[in-house]
């Protein structure tokens, strides 16, 4: 049975994306601080960087990163995550992940622009769709078959799915830093937890992994 899943990294004050991007720093100056626990893991280095040296951290953060792709058959992401905000006029832009993105399944990018699909090495194809959250989910679910659909973010793209009650499992990794500014995940989602069973565990890195599972 297809489930809808989401994973996101946020700060202690709920910031999931910075708002100080520049051409020189397209993710903002605090992005590295927010994501450093994942980037340091062995499985991230293998899947995203192609590093087969065996280096990287193991343990709870690594286990959660392994689950990030496990059982997923399609993904939905916002135009910003793909990078269309940073490279809007570059016809050769193919995303942040190089020639072999880590997804290895169809990815549906939400955008108002008409762009042809981009087929990458390793099984990833980026499809650019102008669709409502529910219509995009139907398209992705059809592509996923019996596997899960992951709402890949960022927070602006994920929030409508949470507000509509369409997410079966949400994993939030809370990095113990305060950013003070940026795009918050929880805005307009008051009482979200009432519809879920909530559990949490803290990794040695200090990151709190909170899971919302629909009962």
C-alpha atoms as a PDB file:
ATOM      1  CA  UNK A   1       0.000   0.000   0.000  1.00  0.00           C
ATOM      2  CA  UNK A   2       1.395   3.385  -0.998  1.00  0.00           C
ATOM      3  CA  UNK A   3       2.125   5.706   1.897  1.00  0.00           C
ATOM      4  CA  UNK A   4       2.971   9.408   1.770  1.00  0.00           C
ATOM      5  CA  UNK A   5       6.113  10.249   3.707  1.00  0.00           C
ATOM      6  CA  UNK A   6       8.163  13.351   4.406  1.00  0.00           C
ATOM      7  CA  UNK A   7      11.538  14.048   6.016  1.00  0.00           C
ATOM      8  CA  UNK A   8      12.791  17.493   6.930  1.00  0.00           C
ATOM      9  CA  UNK A   9      15.574  19.061   8.959  1.00  0.00           C
ATOM     10  CA  UNK A  10      14.662  22.021  11.137  1.00  0.00           C
ATOM     11  CA  UNK A  11      16.256  24.179  13.814  1.00  0.00           C
ATOM     12  CA  UNK A  12      15.092  24.444  17.419  1.00  0.00           C
ATOM     13  CA  UNK A  13      12.957  27.423  16.416  1.00  0.00           C
ATOM     14  CA  UNK A  14      11.328  25.513  13.547  1.00  0.00           C
ATOM     15  CA  UNK A  15      13.270  26.976  10.626  1.00  0.00           C
ATOM     16  CA  UNK A  16      13.519  24.502   7.742  1.00  0.00           C
ATOM     17  CA  UNK A  17      15.001  26.763   5.033  1.00  0.00           C
ATOM     18  CA  UNK A  18      17.089  29.906   5.155  1.00  0.00           C
ATOM     19  CA  UNK A  19      16.023  33.123   3.454  1.00  0.00           C
ATOM     20  CA  UNK A  20      19.434  34.719   2.922  1.00  0.00           C
ATOM     21  CA  UNK A  21      20.491  32.930  -0.260  1.00  0.00           C
ATOM     22  CA  UNK A  22      22.933  34.698  -2.571  1.00  0.00           C
ATOM     23  CA  UNK A  23      24.520  33.655  -5.891  1.00  0.00           C
ATOM     24  CA  UNK A  24      27.686  32.870  -3.945  1.00  0.00           C
ATOM     25  CA  UNK A  25      25.809  30.977  -1.202  1.00  0.00           C
ATOM     26  CA  UNK A  26      22.613  29.596  -2.808  1.00  0.00           C
ATOM     27  CA  UNK A  27      21.466  27.828   0.368  1.00  0.00           C
ATOM     28  CA  UNK A  28      22.278  30.633   2.797  1.00  0.00           C
ATOM     29  CA  UNK A  29      25.057  30.846   5.348  1.00  0.00           C
ATOM     30  CA  UNK A  30      23.326  28.670   7.985  1.00  0.00           C
ATOM     31  CA  UNK A  31      22.379  25.740   5.732  1.00  0.00           C
ATOM     32  CA  UNK A  32      25.589  23.848   6.494  1.00  0.00           C
ATOM     33  CA  UNK A  33      24.941  24.141  10.232  1.00  0.00           C
ATOM     34  CA  UNK A  34      21.405  22.832   9.817  1.00  0.00           C
ATOM     35  CA  UNK A  35      22.383  19.783   7.781  1.00  0.00           C
ATOM     36  CA  UNK A  36      25.868  18.897   9.011  1.00  0.00           C
ATOM     37  CA  UNK A  37      24.740  15.805  10.952  1.00  0.00           C
ATOM     38  CA  UNK A  38      23.294  14.219   7.783  1.00  0.00           C
ATOM     39  CA  UNK A  39      26.136  15.271   5.511  1.00  0.00           C
ATOM     40  CA  UNK A  40      28.579  13.614   7.924  1.00  0.00           C
ATOM     41  CA  UNK A  41      26.899  10.186   7.837  1.00  0.00           C
ATOM     42  CA  UNK A  42      28.364   7.205   6.023  1.00  0.00           C
ATOM     43  CA  UNK A  43      25.178   6.521   4.044  1.00  0.00           C
ATOM     44  CA  UNK A  44      24.831  10.158   2.913  1.00  0.00           C
ATOM     45  CA  UNK A  45      28.423  10.199   1.693  1.00  0.00           C
ATOM     46  CA  UNK A  46      27.825   6.984  -0.232  1.00  0.00           C
ATOM     47  CA  UNK A  47      24.432   7.843  -1.740  1.00  0.00           C
ATOM     48  CA  UNK A  48      24.902  11.535  -2.485  1.00  0.00           C
ATOM     49  CA  UNK A  49      28.668  11.944  -2.943  1.00  0.00           C
ATOM     50  CA  UNK A  50      29.429   8.465  -4.304  1.00  0.00           C
ATOM     51  CA  UNK A  51      32.040   8.022  -1.549  1.00  0.00           C
ATOM     52  CA  UNK A  52      32.695   4.283  -1.144  1.00  0.00           C
ATOM     53  CA  UNK A  53      35.626   4.716   1.256  1.00  0.00           C
ATOM     54  CA  UNK A  54      33.485   3.692   4.230  1.00  0.00           C
ATOM     55  CA  UNK A  55      34.164   6.967   5.990  1.00  0.00           C
ATOM     56  CA  UNK A  56      31.426   8.894   7.769  1.00  0.00           C
ATOM     57  CA  UNK A  57      29.463   8.646  10.971  1.00  0.00           C
ATOM     58  CA  UNK A  58      27.262   5.701  11.845  1.00  0.00           C
ATOM     59  CA  UNK A  59      24.597   5.294  14.502  1.00  0.00           C
ATOM     60  CA  UNK A  60      21.166   6.869  14.747  1.00  0.00           C
ATOM     61  CA  UNK A  61      21.657   9.763  12.297  1.00  0.00           C
ATOM     62  CA  UNK A  62      22.982   7.310   9.732  1.00  0.00           C
ATOM     63  CA  UNK A  63      20.069   4.916  10.295  1.00  0.00           C
ATOM     64  CA  UNK A  64      17.585   7.716   9.650  1.00  0.00           C
ATOM     65  CA  UNK A  65      19.364   8.735   6.489  1.00  0.00           C
ATOM     66  CA  UNK A  66      19.179   5.161   5.214  1.00  0.00           C
ATOM     67  CA  UNK A  67      15.404   5.218   5.777  1.00  0.00           C
ATOM     68  CA  UNK A  68      15.198   8.464   3.811  1.00  0.00           C
ATOM     69  CA  UNK A  69      15.188   6.626   0.464  1.00  0.00           C
ATOM     70  CA  UNK A  70      14.035   3.193   1.617  1.00  0.00           C
ATOM     71  CA  UNK A  71      10.830   1.982  -0.018  1.00  0.00           C
ATOM     72  CA  UNK A  72      10.259   5.206  -1.974  1.00  0.00           C
ATOM     73  CA  UNK A  73       9.080   4.945  -5.573  1.00  0.00           C
ATOM     74  CA  UNK A  74       8.532   8.619  -6.452  1.00  0.00           C
ATOM     75  CA  UNK A  75       9.157  12.056  -4.963  1.00  0.00           C
ATOM     76  CA  UNK A  76       7.545  15.476  -5.114  1.00  0.00           C
ATOM     77  CA  UNK A  77       9.707  18.546  -4.555  1.00  0.00           C
ATOM     78  CA  UNK A  78       9.346  22.277  -4.897  1.00  0.00           C
ATOM     79  CA  UNK A  79      11.002  24.334  -7.615  1.00  0.00           C
ATOM     80  CA  UNK A  80      13.298  25.869  -5.004  1.00  0.00           C
ATOM     81  CA  UNK A  81      14.698  22.526  -3.923  1.00  0.00           C
ATOM     82  CA  UNK A  82      15.517  21.707  -7.534  1.00  0.00           C
ATOM     83  CA  UNK A  83      17.228  25.095  -7.845  1.00  0.00           C
ATOM     84  CA  UNK A  84      14.999  26.907 -10.333  1.00  0.00           C
ATOM     85  CA  UNK A  85      15.058  29.977  -8.052  1.00  0.00           C
ATOM     86  CA  UNK A  86      18.851  30.154  -8.256  1.00  0.00           C
ATOM     87  CA  UNK A  87      19.211  29.332 -11.952  1.00  0.00           C
ATOM     88  CA  UNK A  88      15.942  30.480 -13.546  1.00  0.00           C
ATOM     89  CA  UNK A  89      17.428  31.305 -16.949  1.00  0.00           C
ATOM     90  CA  UNK A  90      20.040  28.569 -17.280  1.00  0.00           C
ATOM     91  CA  UNK A  91      18.847  26.045 -19.908  1.00  0.00           C
ATOM     92  CA  UNK A  92      21.585  23.623 -18.841  1.00  0.00           C
ATOM     93  CA  UNK A  93      20.662  23.535 -15.149  1.00  0.00           C
ATOM     94  CA  UNK A  94      19.997  19.921 -14.071  1.00  0.00           C
ATOM     95  CA  UNK A  95      19.739  20.242 -10.287  1.00  0.00           C
ATOM     96  CA  UNK A  96      22.252  20.229  -7.446  1.00  0.00           C
ATOM     97  CA  UNK A  97      23.154  16.542  -7.538  1.00  0.00           C
ATOM     98  CA  UNK A  98      25.441  16.119 -10.540  1.00  0.00           C
ATOM     99  CA  UNK A  99      24.958  13.603 -13.332  1.00  0.00           C
ATOM    100  CA  UNK A 100      23.829  10.809 -10.978  1.00  0.00           C
ATOM    101  CA  UNK A 101      21.284  12.160  -8.461  1.00  0.00           C
ATOM    102  CA  UNK A 102      20.688  10.055  -5.332  1.00  0.00           C
ATOM    103  CA  UNK A 103      16.953   9.532  -5.867  1.00  0.00           C
ATOM    104  CA  UNK A 104      16.936   6.694  -8.453  1.00  0.00           C
ATOM    105  CA  UNK A 105      13.193   7.067  -9.084  1.00  0.00           C
ATOM    106  CA  UNK A 106      10.907   9.641 -10.768  1.00  0.00           C
ATOM    107  CA  UNK A 107      10.950  13.103  -9.176  1.00  0.00           C
ATOM    108  CA  UNK A 108       8.112  15.551  -9.822  1.00  0.00           C
ATOM    109  CA  UNK A 109       9.118  19.193  -9.486  1.00  0.00           C
ATOM    110  CA  UNK A 110       6.283  21.641  -8.774  1.00  0.00           C
ATOM    111  CA  UNK A 111       6.641  24.684 -11.008  1.00  0.00           C
ATOM    112  CA  UNK A 112       4.615  27.053 -13.184  1.00  0.00           C
ATOM    113  CA  UNK A 113       7.254  26.835 -15.913  1.00  0.00           C
ATOM    114  CA  UNK A 114       6.920  24.456 -18.842  1.00  0.00           C
ATOM    115  CA  UNK A 115      10.082  22.391 -19.039  1.00  0.00           C
ATOM    116  CA  UNK A 116      10.810  19.028 -20.679  1.00  0.00           C
ATOM    117  CA  UNK A 117      11.703  16.045 -18.464  1.00  0.00           C
ATOM    118  CA  UNK A 118      15.364  15.536 -17.631  1.00  0.00           C
ATOM    119  CA  UNK A 119      16.537  11.927 -17.579  1.00  0.00           C
ATOM    120  CA  UNK A 120      19.634  11.428 -15.445  1.00  0.00           C
ATOM    121  CA  UNK A 121      22.008   8.561 -14.812  1.00  0.00           C
ATOM    122  CA  UNK A 122      21.087   6.008 -12.142  1.00  0.00           C
ATOM    123  CA  UNK A 123      17.338   5.949 -12.712  1.00  0.00           C
ATOM    124  CA  UNK A 124      16.312   9.500 -11.759  1.00  0.00           C
ATOM    125  CA  UNK A 125      14.071  11.447 -14.138  1.00  0.00           C
ATOM    126  CA  UNK A 126      12.949  14.968 -13.220  1.00  0.00           C
ATOM    127  CA  UNK A 127       9.425  15.824 -14.409  1.00  0.00           C
ATOM    128  CA  UNK A 128       8.252  19.431 -14.160  1.00  0.00           C
ATOM    129  CA  UNK A 129       4.535  19.757 -13.427  1.00  0.00           C
ATOM    130  CA  UNK A 130       2.105  22.593 -12.830  1.00  0.00           C
ATOM    131  CA  UNK A 131      -0.385  20.877 -10.537  1.00  0.00           C
ATOM    132  CA  UNK A 132      -2.209  21.252  -7.242  1.00  0.00           C
ATOM    133  CA  UNK A 133      -0.870  19.265  -4.268  1.00  0.00           C
ATOM    134  CA  UNK A 134      -3.561  16.597  -4.648  1.00  0.00           C
ATOM    135  CA  UNK A 135      -3.122  16.303  -8.412  1.00  0.00           C
ATOM    136  CA  UNK A 136       0.654  16.102  -8.053  1.00  0.00           C
ATOM    137  CA  UNK A 137       0.240  13.395  -5.435  1.00  0.00           C
ATOM    138  CA  UNK A 138      -1.990  11.366  -7.751  1.00  0.00           C
ATOM    139  CA  UNK A 139       0.607  11.620 -10.522  1.00  0.00           C
ATOM    140  CA  UNK A 140       3.444  10.607  -8.200  1.00  0.00           C
ATOM    141  CA  UNK A 141       1.445   7.742  -6.651  1.00  0.00           C
ATOM    142  CA  UNK A 142       0.756   6.333 -10.099  1.00  0.00           C
ATOM    143  CA  UNK A 143       4.478   6.438 -10.892  1.00  0.00           C
ATOM    144  CA  UNK A 144       5.408   4.882  -7.533  1.00  0.00           C
ATOM    145  CA  UNK A 145       3.183   1.852  -7.963  1.00  0.00           C
ATOM    146  CA  UNK A 146       3.078  -0.014  -4.648  1.00  0.00           C
ATOM    147  CA  UNK A 147       6.058   1.922  -3.251  1.00  0.00           C
ATOM    148  CA  UNK A 148       5.822   5.094  -1.147  1.00  0.00           C
ATOM    149  CA  UNK A 149       5.680   8.705  -2.284  1.00  0.00           C
ATOM    150  CA  UNK A 150       7.952  11.126  -0.489  1.00  0.00           C
ATOM    151  CA  UNK A 151       7.229  14.841  -0.260  1.00  0.00           C
ATOM    152  CA  UNK A 152      10.797  16.039  -0.486  1.00  0.00           C
ATOM    153  CA  UNK A 153      10.288  19.657   0.505  1.00  0.00           C
ATOM    154  CA  UNK A 154      11.135  22.364   1.118  1.00  0.00           C
ATOM    155  CA  UNK A 155       8.775  23.524   3.855  1.00  0.00           C
ATOM    156  CA  UNK A 156       6.650  25.713   1.585  1.00  0.00           C
ATOM    157  CA  UNK A 157       5.902  22.710  -0.630  1.00  0.00           C
ATOM    158  CA  UNK A 158       5.378  20.301   2.276  1.00  0.00           C
ATOM    159  CA  UNK A 159       3.068  22.476   4.395  1.00  0.00           C
ATOM    160  CA  UNK A 160      -0.032  22.183   2.131  1.00  0.00           C
ATOM    161  CA  UNK A 161       0.224  18.381   2.248  1.00  0.00           C
ATOM    162  CA  UNK A 162       0.370  18.440   6.039  1.00  0.00           C
ATOM    163  CA  UNK A 163      -2.504  20.927   6.275  1.00  0.00           C
ATOM    164  CA  UNK A 164      -4.660  18.720   4.035  1.00  0.00           C
ATOM    165  CA  UNK A 165      -3.938  15.605   6.091  1.00  0.00           C
ATOM    166  CA  UNK A 166      -2.223  13.839   3.195  1.00  0.00           C
ATOM    167  CA  UNK A 167       1.003  12.799   4.953  1.00  0.00           C
ATOM    168  CA  UNK A 168       1.054   9.393   6.629  1.00  0.00           C
ATOM    169  CA  UNK A 169       4.495   9.696   8.208  1.00  0.00           C
ATOM    170  CA  UNK A 170       6.545  12.801   8.947  1.00  0.00           C
ATOM    171  CA  UNK A 171      10.110  12.565  10.245  1.00  0.00           C
ATOM    172  CA  UNK A 172      11.612  15.799  11.536  1.00  0.00           C
ATOM    173  CA  UNK A 173      15.288  15.984  12.502  1.00  0.00           C
ATOM    174  CA  UNK A 174      15.687  18.893  14.918  1.00  0.00           C
ATOM    175  CA  UNK A 175      19.224  20.271  14.874  1.00  0.00           C
ATOM    176  CA  UNK A 176      20.083  21.936  18.227  1.00  0.00           C
ATOM    177  CA  UNK A 177      20.720  25.406  16.828  1.00  0.00           C
ATOM    178  CA  UNK A 178      18.681  28.626  16.804  1.00  0.00           C
ATOM    179  CA  UNK A 179      18.524  30.396  13.440  1.00  0.00           C
ATOM    180  CA  UNK A 180      16.179  33.247  14.274  1.00  0.00           C
ATOM    181  CA  UNK A 181      15.081  33.822  10.702  1.00  0.00           C
ATOM    182  CA  UNK A 182      14.041  31.803   7.668  1.00  0.00           C
ATOM    183  CA  UNK A 183      11.078  29.722   6.498  1.00  0.00           C
ATOM    184  CA  UNK A 184       9.283  27.906   9.296  1.00  0.00           C
ATOM    185  CA  UNK A 185       7.722  24.480   8.941  1.00  0.00           C
ATOM    186  CA  UNK A 186       4.985  24.761  11.568  1.00  0.00           C
ATOM    187  CA  UNK A 187       3.219  27.968  10.515  1.00  0.00           C
ATOM    188  CA  UNK A 188      -0.574  27.477  10.243  1.00  0.00           C
ATOM    189  CA  UNK A 189      -0.292  23.840  11.379  1.00  0.00           C
ATOM    190  CA  UNK A 190      -1.687  24.233  14.891  1.00  0.00           C
ATOM    191  CA  UNK A 191      -2.786  20.927  16.490  1.00  0.00           C
ATOM    192  CA  UNK A 192      -1.116  18.884  13.759  1.00  0.00           C
ATOM    193  CA  UNK A 193       0.037  16.392  16.386  1.00  0.00           C
ATOM    194  CA  UNK A 194      -3.547  15.441  17.281  1.00  0.00           C
ATOM    195  CA  UNK A 195      -3.807  13.324  14.134  1.00  0.00           C
ATOM    196  CA  UNK A 196      -0.592  11.381  14.751  1.00  0.00           C
ATOM    197  CA  UNK A 197       1.216   9.138  17.155  1.00  0.00           C
ATOM    198  CA  UNK A 198       4.365  11.058  18.061  1.00  0.00           C
ATOM    199  CA  UNK A 199       7.679   9.556  19.161  1.00  0.00           C
ATOM    200  CA  UNK A 200      11.160  10.985  19.548  1.00  0.00           C
ATOM    201  CA  UNK A 201      14.721   9.855  20.121  1.00  0.00           C
ATOM    202  CA  UNK A 202      17.918  11.844  20.530  1.00  0.00           C
ATOM    203  CA  UNK A 203      21.099  10.932  18.649  1.00  0.00           C
ATOM    204  CA  UNK A 204      24.601  11.359  20.126  1.00  0.00           C
ATOM    205  CA  UNK A 205      25.003  14.339  17.765  1.00  0.00           C
ATOM    206  CA  UNK A 206      22.300  16.119  19.768  1.00  0.00           C
ATOM    207  CA  UNK A 207      19.806  15.915  16.895  1.00  0.00           C
ATOM    208  CA  UNK A 208      16.274  15.024  18.001  1.00  0.00           C
ATOM    209  CA  UNK A 209      14.477  12.721  15.594  1.00  0.00           C
ATOM    210  CA  UNK A 210      10.712  13.215  15.941  1.00  0.00           C
ATOM    211  CA  UNK A 211       8.328  10.943  14.041  1.00  0.00           C
ATOM    212  CA  UNK A 212       4.655  11.668  13.412  1.00  0.00           C
ATOM    213  CA  UNK A 213       2.846   8.483  12.356  1.00  0.00           C
ATOM    214  CA  UNK A 214      -0.816   8.504  11.414  1.00  0.00           C
ATOM    215  CA  UNK A 215      -2.671   6.071  13.621  1.00  0.00           C
END
